[in-house]
Amino acid sequence: ADELFSVSYYESKLYKFKRFIRDAEVHNLPTTGSPDDFQSFFNWGILKYQSGNLDDAISDFNQALLFKPDTAFSLIYSYRGIAKSKMGDHNGAIEDFDRAIDIQPQDVMQYSNWIKNYFNRGVSRFYTNDVEGACEDWKKSFEFGFGRALEYLDRFCK
């Protein structure tokens, strides 16, 4: 028990502490009150997704899209697609990944997230027994720089 409260147990390098605080600020989503617009529903959907409450996350993403049905924000379709895929709705997930892929990022910082839509659509295609389509998506995501796709190409696409 004495070791638990020793100074060295709680000490942290300053750069690790600063990185922790910076990351916490980056991932802190405003969630005050009830959601009443696109961004609020999206933020609540993300929090519910991250906590494993996929049904409610999908519901919040759907509500957000009621406010902006023609949004150019591909991440909402990415998250909703992943949630649908995790719940076994692979055809619905494929539709969302298709939408996310159609919305090419305007900001170069979103490019790496956008590429993952090809990979994730490949996973959903694989689960719908469309191995050829899955391999095409994994190949494309690998060509765009998503290295993890190589493992899937080697394992399932001979």
N, C-alpha and C. Protein backbone atom coordinates (compact mmCIF):
# COMPACT_ATOMS: atom_id res chain seq x y z
N ALA A 1 0.82 -1.19 0.00
CA ALA A 1 0.00 0.00 0.00
C ALA A 1 0.87 1.26 0.00
N ASP A 2 2.03 1.20 0.68
CA ASP A 2 2.90 2.37 0.69
C ASP A 2 3.38 2.72 -0.71
N GLU A 3 3.58 1.72 -1.56
CA GLU A 3 4.06 1.98 -2.92
C GLU A 3 3.03 2.75 -3.74
N LEU A 4 1.77 2.52 -3.47
CA LEU A 4 0.72 3.18 -4.22
C LEU A 4 0.81 4.69 -4.11
N PHE A 5 1.19 5.18 -2.93
CA PHE A 5 1.24 6.63 -2.72
C PHE A 5 2.65 7.19 -2.78
N SER A 6 3.57 6.44 -3.29
CA SER A 6 4.93 6.96 -3.40
C SER A 6 4.97 8.03 -4.49
N VAL A 7 5.88 8.95 -4.35
CA VAL A 7 5.97 10.07 -5.28
C VAL A 7 6.23 9.58 -6.70
N SER A 8 7.09 8.58 -6.85
CA SER A 8 7.45 8.13 -8.20
C SER A 8 6.25 7.53 -8.93
N TYR A 9 5.29 6.98 -8.21
CA TYR A 9 4.11 6.40 -8.83
C TYR A 9 3.29 7.47 -9.54
N TYR A 10 3.22 8.65 -8.99
CA TYR A 10 2.40 9.71 -9.56
C TYR A 10 3.17 10.68 -10.44
N GLU A 11 4.47 10.62 -10.41
CA GLU A 11 5.23 11.55 -11.23
C GLU A 11 5.10 11.19 -12.70
N SER A 12 5.13 12.22 -13.49
CA SER A 12 5.03 12.04 -14.92
C SER A 12 5.97 13.04 -15.58
N LYS A 13 6.55 12.64 -16.69
CA LYS A 13 7.38 13.57 -17.43
C LYS A 13 6.50 14.73 -17.90
N LEU A 14 7.04 15.94 -17.89
CA LEU A 14 6.29 17.12 -18.25
C LEU A 14 5.73 17.02 -19.67
N TYR A 15 6.52 16.50 -20.61
CA TYR A 15 6.04 16.42 -21.99
C TYR A 15 4.88 15.44 -22.11
N LYS A 16 4.88 14.37 -21.30
CA LYS A 16 3.75 13.43 -21.31
C LYS A 16 2.50 14.09 -20.75
N PHE A 17 2.68 14.86 -19.70
CA PHE A 17 1.55 15.55 -19.10
C PHE A 17 0.96 16.57 -20.09
N LYS A 18 1.83 17.34 -20.74
CA LYS A 18 1.37 18.33 -21.70
C LYS A 18 0.64 17.66 -22.87
N ARG A 19 1.18 16.53 -23.34
CA ARG A 19 0.53 15.81 -24.43
C ARG A 19 -0.84 15.30 -23.99
N PHE A 20 -0.94 14.81 -22.77
CA PHE A 20 -2.21 14.33 -22.23
C PHE A 20 -3.24 15.47 -22.20
N ILE A 21 -2.84 16.63 -21.71
CA ILE A 21 -3.74 17.78 -21.64
C ILE A 21 -4.14 18.23 -23.04
N ARG A 22 -3.18 18.32 -23.95
CA ARG A 22 -3.48 18.73 -25.32
C ARG A 22 -4.46 17.76 -25.98
N ASP A 23 -4.21 16.46 -25.82
CA ASP A 23 -5.10 15.47 -26.42
C ASP A 23 -6.49 15.53 -25.80
N ALA A 24 -6.57 15.78 -24.51
CA ALA A 24 -7.86 15.89 -23.84
C ALA A 24 -8.64 17.09 -24.39
N GLU A 25 -7.93 18.18 -24.65
CA GLU A 25 -8.59 19.37 -25.20
C GLU A 25 -9.07 19.12 -26.63
N VAL A 26 -8.28 18.41 -27.41
CA VAL A 26 -8.65 18.12 -28.79
C VAL A 26 -9.90 17.24 -28.84
N HIS A 27 -10.00 16.28 -27.93
CA HIS A 27 -11.10 15.33 -27.96
C HIS A 27 -12.28 15.74 -27.09
N ASN A 28 -12.22 16.91 -26.50
CA ASN A 28 -13.31 17.38 -25.67
C ASN A 28 -14.39 17.98 -26.57
N LEU A 29 -15.54 17.32 -26.61
CA LEU A 29 -16.63 17.80 -27.45
C LEU A 29 -17.64 18.55 -26.61
N PRO A 30 -18.09 19.70 -27.06
CA PRO A 30 -19.10 20.44 -26.30
C PRO A 30 -20.44 19.69 -26.33
N THR A 31 -20.98 19.41 -25.15
CA THR A 31 -22.21 18.63 -25.07
C THR A 31 -23.18 19.23 -24.06
N THR A 32 -23.17 20.52 -23.92
CA THR A 32 -24.07 21.13 -22.94
C THR A 32 -25.49 21.12 -23.47
N GLY A 33 -26.42 20.88 -22.59
CA GLY A 33 -27.83 20.92 -22.94
C GLY A 33 -28.26 19.80 -23.86
N SER A 34 -29.43 19.97 -24.42
CA SER A 34 -29.97 18.99 -25.36
C SER A 34 -29.51 19.36 -26.77
N PRO A 35 -29.25 18.36 -27.58
CA PRO A 35 -28.85 18.68 -28.95
C PRO A 35 -30.00 19.33 -29.71
N ASP A 36 -29.67 20.36 -30.47
CA ASP A 36 -30.72 21.06 -31.22
C ASP A 36 -30.22 21.56 -32.58
N ASP A 37 -29.09 21.05 -33.02
CA ASP A 37 -28.59 21.41 -34.34
C ASP A 37 -27.65 20.31 -34.83
N PHE A 38 -27.17 20.47 -36.06
CA PHE A 38 -26.32 19.45 -36.68
C PHE A 38 -25.12 19.10 -35.80
N GLN A 39 -24.36 20.12 -35.41
CA GLN A 39 -23.12 19.88 -34.66
C GLN A 39 -23.39 19.21 -33.31
N SER A 40 -24.43 19.65 -32.62
CA SER A 40 -24.75 19.06 -31.31
C SER A 40 -25.11 17.59 -31.45
N PHE A 41 -25.98 17.26 -32.41
CA PHE A 41 -26.34 15.86 -32.60
C PHE A 41 -25.12 15.03 -33.02
N PHE A 42 -24.27 15.61 -33.88
CA PHE A 42 -23.06 14.90 -34.29
C PHE A 42 -22.17 14.62 -33.08
N ASN A 43 -21.94 15.65 -32.24
CA ASN A 43 -21.10 15.47 -31.05
C ASN A 43 -21.66 14.41 -30.12
N TRP A 44 -22.96 14.46 -29.87
CA TRP A 44 -23.58 13.45 -29.01
C TRP A 44 -23.47 12.06 -29.65
N GLY A 45 -23.62 12.00 -30.96
CA GLY A 45 -23.47 10.73 -31.65
C GLY A 45 -22.08 10.14 -31.48
N ILE A 46 -21.07 11.00 -31.57
CA ILE A 46 -19.69 10.54 -31.37
C ILE A 46 -19.51 9.99 -29.96
N LEU A 47 -19.98 10.73 -28.97
CA LEU A 47 -19.84 10.26 -27.59
C LEU A 47 -20.56 8.94 -27.36
N LYS A 48 -21.73 8.80 -27.91
CA LYS A 48 -22.48 7.55 -27.76
C LYS A 48 -21.78 6.41 -28.51
N TYR A 49 -21.24 6.72 -29.70
CA TYR A 49 -20.48 5.73 -30.46
C TYR A 49 -19.28 5.25 -29.64
N GLN A 50 -18.53 6.20 -29.09
CA GLN A 50 -17.33 5.85 -28.33
C GLN A 50 -17.65 5.08 -27.06
N SER A 51 -18.84 5.28 -26.52
CA SER A 51 -19.21 4.54 -25.31
C SER A 51 -19.86 3.21 -25.65
N GLY A 52 -20.00 2.89 -26.94
CA GLY A 52 -20.55 1.60 -27.34
C GLY A 52 -22.06 1.59 -27.51
N ASN A 53 -22.69 2.73 -27.36
CA ASN A 53 -24.14 2.83 -27.50
C ASN A 53 -24.46 3.11 -28.98
N LEU A 54 -24.34 2.08 -29.80
CA LEU A 54 -24.38 2.26 -31.25
C LEU A 54 -25.77 2.63 -31.77
N ASP A 55 -26.82 2.04 -31.21
CA ASP A 55 -28.18 2.39 -31.64
C ASP A 55 -28.45 3.88 -31.47
N ASP A 56 -28.14 4.40 -30.29
CA ASP A 56 -28.38 5.82 -30.03
C ASP A 56 -27.44 6.71 -30.84
N ALA A 57 -26.22 6.23 -31.08
CA ALA A 57 -25.28 7.00 -31.91
C ALA A 57 -25.85 7.15 -33.32
N ILE A 58 -26.34 6.06 -33.89
CA ILE A 58 -26.93 6.11 -35.23
C ILE A 58 -28.13 7.04 -35.23
N SER A 59 -28.93 6.97 -34.19
CA SER A 59 -30.09 7.85 -34.08
C SER A 59 -29.67 9.32 -34.06
N ASP A 60 -28.63 9.65 -33.30
CA ASP A 60 -28.15 11.03 -33.26
C ASP A 60 -27.57 11.46 -34.60
N PHE A 61 -26.84 10.57 -35.28
CA PHE A 61 -26.32 10.91 -36.60
C PHE A 61 -27.47 11.16 -37.57
N ASN A 62 -28.50 10.35 -37.48
CA ASN A 62 -29.68 10.55 -38.33
C ASN A 62 -30.33 11.91 -38.05
N GLN A 63 -30.44 12.25 -36.77
CA GLN A 63 -31.02 13.54 -36.40
C GLN A 63 -30.18 14.69 -36.92
N ALA A 64 -28.87 14.56 -36.82
CA ALA A 64 -27.98 15.61 -37.34
C ALA A 64 -28.21 15.80 -38.83
N LEU A 65 -28.37 14.71 -39.55
CA LEU A 65 -28.55 14.79 -41.00
C LEU A 65 -29.89 15.40 -41.38
N LEU A 66 -30.85 15.39 -40.47
CA LEU A 66 -32.12 16.08 -40.73
C LEU A 66 -31.89 17.60 -40.81
N PHE A 67 -30.91 18.09 -40.05
CA PHE A 67 -30.59 19.51 -40.07
C PHE A 67 -29.78 19.89 -41.32
N LYS A 68 -28.93 18.97 -41.79
CA LYS A 68 -28.09 19.24 -42.97
C LYS A 68 -28.07 18.00 -43.86
N PRO A 69 -29.15 17.74 -44.58
CA PRO A 69 -29.20 16.52 -45.39
C PRO A 69 -28.15 16.49 -46.52
N ASP A 70 -27.69 17.65 -46.96
CA ASP A 70 -26.70 17.71 -48.04
C ASP A 70 -25.33 18.12 -47.51
N THR A 71 -25.01 17.71 -46.30
CA THR A 71 -23.76 18.11 -45.69
C THR A 71 -22.55 17.63 -46.49
N ALA A 72 -21.51 18.41 -46.46
CA ALA A 72 -20.24 18.04 -47.08
C ALA A 72 -19.26 17.55 -46.02
N PHE A 73 -19.81 17.11 -44.89
CA PHE A 73 -19.00 16.64 -43.77
C PHE A 73 -19.02 15.11 -43.78
N SER A 74 -18.02 14.50 -44.40
CA SER A 74 -18.02 13.05 -44.63
C SER A 74 -17.91 12.22 -43.36
N LEU A 75 -17.35 12.79 -42.30
CA LEU A 75 -17.15 12.00 -41.08
C LEU A 75 -18.46 11.48 -40.48
N ILE A 76 -19.54 12.20 -40.66
CA ILE A 76 -20.80 11.72 -40.11
C ILE A 76 -21.21 10.41 -40.78
N TYR A 77 -20.97 10.30 -42.07
CA TYR A 77 -21.28 9.06 -42.78
C TYR A 77 -20.28 7.97 -42.41
N SER A 78 -19.04 8.35 -42.18
CA SER A 78 -18.03 7.38 -41.77
C SER A 78 -18.40 6.74 -40.43
N TYR A 79 -18.69 7.59 -39.44
CA TYR A 79 -19.04 7.07 -38.13
C TYR A 79 -20.33 6.25 -38.17
N ARG A 80 -21.32 6.75 -38.89
CA ARG A 80 -22.59 6.01 -38.95
C ARG A 80 -22.37 4.67 -39.66
N GLY A 81 -21.54 4.67 -40.69
CA GLY A 81 -21.24 3.43 -41.40
C GLY A 81 -20.54 2.42 -40.51
N ILE A 82 -19.58 2.88 -39.72
CA ILE A 82 -18.88 1.96 -38.81
C ILE A 82 -19.84 1.41 -37.77
N ALA A 83 -20.70 2.28 -37.24
CA ALA A 83 -21.68 1.83 -36.24
C ALA A 83 -22.61 0.78 -36.85
N LYS A 84 -23.09 1.03 -38.06
CA LYS A 84 -23.97 0.06 -38.72
C LYS A 84 -23.24 -1.25 -38.95
N SER A 85 -22.00 -1.16 -39.38
CA SER A 85 -21.21 -2.37 -39.62
C SER A 85 -21.03 -3.18 -38.34
N LYS A 86 -20.73 -2.50 -37.25
CA LYS A 86 -20.55 -3.19 -35.97
C LYS A 86 -21.84 -3.85 -35.50
N MET A 87 -22.97 -3.32 -35.95
CA MET A 87 -24.26 -3.89 -35.57
C MET A 87 -24.74 -4.95 -36.57
N GLY A 88 -23.93 -5.20 -37.60
CA GLY A 88 -24.26 -6.24 -38.56
C GLY A 88 -25.05 -5.76 -39.77
N ASP A 89 -25.32 -4.45 -39.87
CA ASP A 89 -26.03 -3.89 -41.02
C ASP A 89 -24.99 -3.49 -42.07
N HIS A 90 -24.41 -4.49 -42.72
CA HIS A 90 -23.31 -4.22 -43.64
C HIS A 90 -23.77 -3.53 -44.91
N ASN A 91 -24.98 -3.82 -45.39
CA ASN A 91 -25.48 -3.12 -46.58
C ASN A 91 -25.71 -1.64 -46.28
N GLY A 92 -26.27 -1.34 -45.11
CA GLY A 92 -26.43 0.05 -44.70
C GLY A 92 -25.10 0.74 -44.53
N ALA A 93 -24.12 0.01 -44.00
CA ALA A 93 -22.78 0.56 -43.82
C ALA A 93 -22.15 0.89 -45.17
N ILE A 94 -22.32 0.00 -46.13
CA ILE A 94 -21.76 0.23 -47.47
C ILE A 94 -22.34 1.51 -48.07
N GLU A 95 -23.64 1.71 -47.90
CA GLU A 95 -24.27 2.94 -48.41
C GLU A 95 -23.65 4.18 -47.77
N ASP A 96 -23.41 4.11 -46.45
CA ASP A 96 -22.80 5.26 -45.77
C ASP A 96 -21.36 5.49 -46.22
N PHE A 97 -20.60 4.41 -46.39
CA PHE A 97 -19.22 4.57 -46.85
C PHE A 97 -19.20 5.11 -48.28
N ASP A 98 -20.16 4.69 -49.11
CA ASP A 98 -20.26 5.25 -50.46
C ASP A 98 -20.45 6.76 -50.40
N ARG A 99 -21.37 7.21 -49.53
CA ARG A 99 -21.62 8.65 -49.38
C ARG A 99 -20.37 9.37 -48.89
N ALA A 100 -19.70 8.78 -47.90
CA ALA A 100 -18.49 9.41 -47.36
C ALA A 100 -17.40 9.50 -48.42
N ILE A 101 -17.27 8.48 -49.25
CA ILE A 101 -16.26 8.49 -50.31
C ILE A 101 -16.59 9.55 -51.36
N ASP A 102 -17.87 9.72 -51.65
CA ASP A 102 -18.29 10.72 -52.63
C ASP A 102 -17.96 12.15 -52.19
N ILE A 103 -17.89 12.36 -50.88
CA ILE A 103 -17.59 13.69 -50.34
C ILE A 103 -16.08 13.78 -50.11
N GLN A 104 -15.36 14.18 -51.12
CA GLN A 104 -13.92 14.28 -50.98
C GLN A 104 -13.57 15.43 -50.05
N PRO A 105 -12.56 15.22 -49.22
CA PRO A 105 -12.23 16.24 -48.22
C PRO A 105 -11.70 17.53 -48.85
N GLN A 106 -12.16 18.65 -48.30
CA GLN A 106 -11.67 19.96 -48.71
C GLN A 106 -10.39 20.31 -47.96
N ASP A 107 -10.25 19.72 -46.78
CA ASP A 107 -9.11 19.99 -45.89
C ASP A 107 -8.17 18.79 -45.95
N VAL A 108 -6.91 19.04 -46.25
CA VAL A 108 -5.93 17.97 -46.36
C VAL A 108 -5.80 17.17 -45.06
N MET A 109 -6.13 17.79 -43.94
CA MET A 109 -6.04 17.11 -42.65
C MET A 109 -7.10 16.00 -42.52
N GLN A 110 -8.15 16.05 -43.32
CA GLN A 110 -9.19 15.02 -43.29
C GLN A 110 -8.93 13.87 -44.26
N TYR A 111 -7.87 13.98 -45.03
CA TYR A 111 -7.58 12.98 -46.06
C TYR A 111 -7.39 11.58 -45.48
N SER A 112 -6.64 11.47 -44.38
CA SER A 112 -6.38 10.14 -43.82
C SER A 112 -7.67 9.50 -43.30
N ASN A 113 -8.59 10.31 -42.78
CA ASN A 113 -9.89 9.76 -42.36
C ASN A 113 -10.70 9.32 -43.58
N TRP A 114 -10.64 10.09 -44.64
CA TRP A 114 -11.40 9.79 -45.85
C TRP A 114 -10.95 8.47 -46.46
N ILE A 115 -9.64 8.22 -46.50
CA ILE A 115 -9.09 6.98 -47.06
C ILE A 115 -9.65 5.75 -46.33
N LYS A 116 -9.85 5.88 -45.04
CA LYS A 116 -10.34 4.74 -44.24
C LYS A 116 -11.72 4.29 -44.67
N ASN A 117 -12.47 5.14 -45.36
CA ASN A 117 -13.78 4.74 -45.85
C ASN A 117 -13.67 3.60 -46.87
N TYR A 118 -12.64 3.63 -47.68
CA TYR A 118 -12.42 2.52 -48.62
C TYR A 118 -12.14 1.23 -47.85
N PHE A 119 -11.28 1.34 -46.85
CA PHE A 119 -10.95 0.16 -46.05
C PHE A 119 -12.19 -0.38 -45.36
N ASN A 120 -12.94 0.50 -44.70
CA ASN A 120 -14.12 0.07 -43.95
C ASN A 120 -15.21 -0.48 -44.87
N ARG A 121 -15.37 0.13 -46.04
CA ARG A 121 -16.34 -0.42 -46.99
C ARG A 121 -15.90 -1.81 -47.44
N GLY A 122 -14.60 -2.00 -47.57
CA GLY A 122 -14.09 -3.33 -47.90
C GLY A 122 -14.45 -4.36 -46.85
N VAL A 123 -14.36 -3.98 -45.59
CA VAL A 123 -14.72 -4.90 -44.51
C VAL A 123 -16.20 -5.27 -44.62
N SER A 124 -17.06 -4.27 -44.83
CA SER A 124 -18.49 -4.55 -44.96
C SER A 124 -18.78 -5.39 -46.20
N ARG A 125 -18.09 -5.10 -47.28
CA ARG A 125 -18.27 -5.93 -48.49
C ARG A 125 -17.86 -7.37 -48.23
N PHE A 126 -16.78 -7.54 -47.50
CA PHE A 126 -16.32 -8.89 -47.17
C PHE A 126 -17.43 -9.65 -46.42
N TYR A 127 -18.07 -8.98 -45.47
CA TYR A 127 -19.12 -9.63 -44.68
C TYR A 127 -20.41 -9.85 -45.47
N THR A 128 -20.54 -9.22 -46.64
CA THR A 128 -21.70 -9.51 -47.50
C THR A 128 -21.29 -10.49 -48.61
N ASN A 129 -20.16 -11.13 -48.42
CA ASN A 129 -19.62 -12.13 -49.37
C ASN A 129 -19.21 -11.54 -50.71
N ASP A 130 -18.94 -10.26 -50.74
CA ASP A 130 -18.41 -9.61 -51.93
C ASP A 130 -16.90 -9.48 -51.76
N VAL A 131 -16.21 -10.62 -51.86
CA VAL A 131 -14.77 -10.63 -51.60
C VAL A 131 -14.04 -9.83 -52.67
N GLU A 132 -14.48 -9.93 -53.92
CA GLU A 132 -13.83 -9.18 -54.99
C GLU A 132 -13.93 -7.67 -54.74
N GLY A 133 -15.13 -7.20 -54.36
CA GLY A 133 -15.30 -5.78 -54.04
C GLY A 133 -14.48 -5.37 -52.83
N ALA A 134 -14.42 -6.26 -51.83
CA ALA A 134 -13.62 -5.98 -50.63
C ALA A 134 -12.15 -5.81 -51.01
N CYS A 135 -11.66 -6.71 -51.84
CA CYS A 135 -10.25 -6.64 -52.25
C CYS A 135 -9.96 -5.37 -53.05
N GLU A 136 -10.92 -4.95 -53.90
CA GLU A 136 -10.74 -3.71 -54.64
C GLU A 136 -10.63 -2.52 -53.70
N ASP A 137 -11.50 -2.50 -52.68
CA ASP A 137 -11.46 -1.39 -51.72
C ASP A 137 -10.19 -1.40 -50.89
N TRP A 138 -9.78 -2.56 -50.44
CA TRP A 138 -8.55 -2.64 -49.65
C TRP A 138 -7.33 -2.25 -50.49
N LYS A 139 -7.34 -2.65 -51.76
CA LYS A 139 -6.24 -2.27 -52.65
C LYS A 139 -6.20 -0.75 -52.82
N LYS A 140 -7.38 -0.16 -53.03
CA LYS A 140 -7.44 1.30 -53.21
C LYS A 140 -6.97 2.02 -51.93
N SER A 141 -7.43 1.55 -50.76
CA SER A 141 -7.02 2.21 -49.52
C SER A 141 -5.52 2.06 -49.30
N PHE A 142 -4.97 0.91 -49.69
CA PHE A 142 -3.52 0.73 -49.57
C PHE A 142 -2.78 1.65 -50.53
N GLU A 143 -3.27 1.77 -51.75
CA GLU A 143 -2.64 2.66 -52.74
C GLU A 143 -2.68 4.11 -52.28
N PHE A 144 -3.74 4.48 -51.54
CA PHE A 144 -3.86 5.84 -51.01
C PHE A 144 -3.04 6.05 -49.74
N GLY A 145 -2.40 4.99 -49.23
CA GLY A 145 -1.51 5.17 -48.09
C GLY A 145 -1.97 4.55 -46.78
N PHE A 146 -3.05 3.78 -46.79
CA PHE A 146 -3.50 3.14 -45.55
C PHE A 146 -2.84 1.77 -45.45
N GLY A 147 -1.70 1.73 -44.77
CA GLY A 147 -0.85 0.54 -44.70
C GLY A 147 -1.51 -0.69 -44.11
N ARG A 148 -2.44 -0.50 -43.21
CA ARG A 148 -3.09 -1.65 -42.56
C ARG A 148 -3.83 -2.53 -43.57
N ALA A 149 -4.22 -1.96 -44.70
CA ALA A 149 -4.95 -2.73 -45.71
C ALA A 149 -4.10 -3.85 -46.30
N LEU A 150 -2.79 -3.72 -46.27
CA LEU A 150 -1.92 -4.75 -46.82
C LEU A 150 -2.13 -6.10 -46.13
N GLU A 151 -2.35 -6.08 -44.83
CA GLU A 151 -2.61 -7.31 -44.09
C GLU A 151 -3.85 -8.02 -44.63
N TYR A 152 -4.89 -7.27 -44.92
CA TYR A 152 -6.13 -7.84 -45.44
C TYR A 152 -5.94 -8.32 -46.88
N LEU A 153 -5.19 -7.56 -47.67
CA LEU A 153 -4.90 -7.99 -49.03
C LEU A 153 -4.14 -9.30 -49.05
N ASP A 154 -3.12 -9.42 -48.20
CA ASP A 154 -2.34 -10.65 -48.12
C ASP A 154 -3.16 -11.83 -47.62
N ARG A 155 -4.07 -11.55 -46.71
CA ARG A 155 -4.81 -12.65 -46.07
C ARG A 155 -6.02 -13.11 -46.90
N PHE A 156 -6.72 -12.19 -47.54
CA PHE A 156 -7.98 -12.56 -48.19
C PHE A 156 -8.00 -12.40 -49.70
N CYS A 157 -6.98 -11.76 -50.28
CA CYS A 157 -7.01 -11.44 -51.71
C CYS A 157 -5.81 -12.06 -52.42
N LYS A 158 -5.92 -13.27 -52.78
CA LYS A 158 -4.80 -13.97 -53.43
C LYS A 158 -4.85 -13.81 -54.92
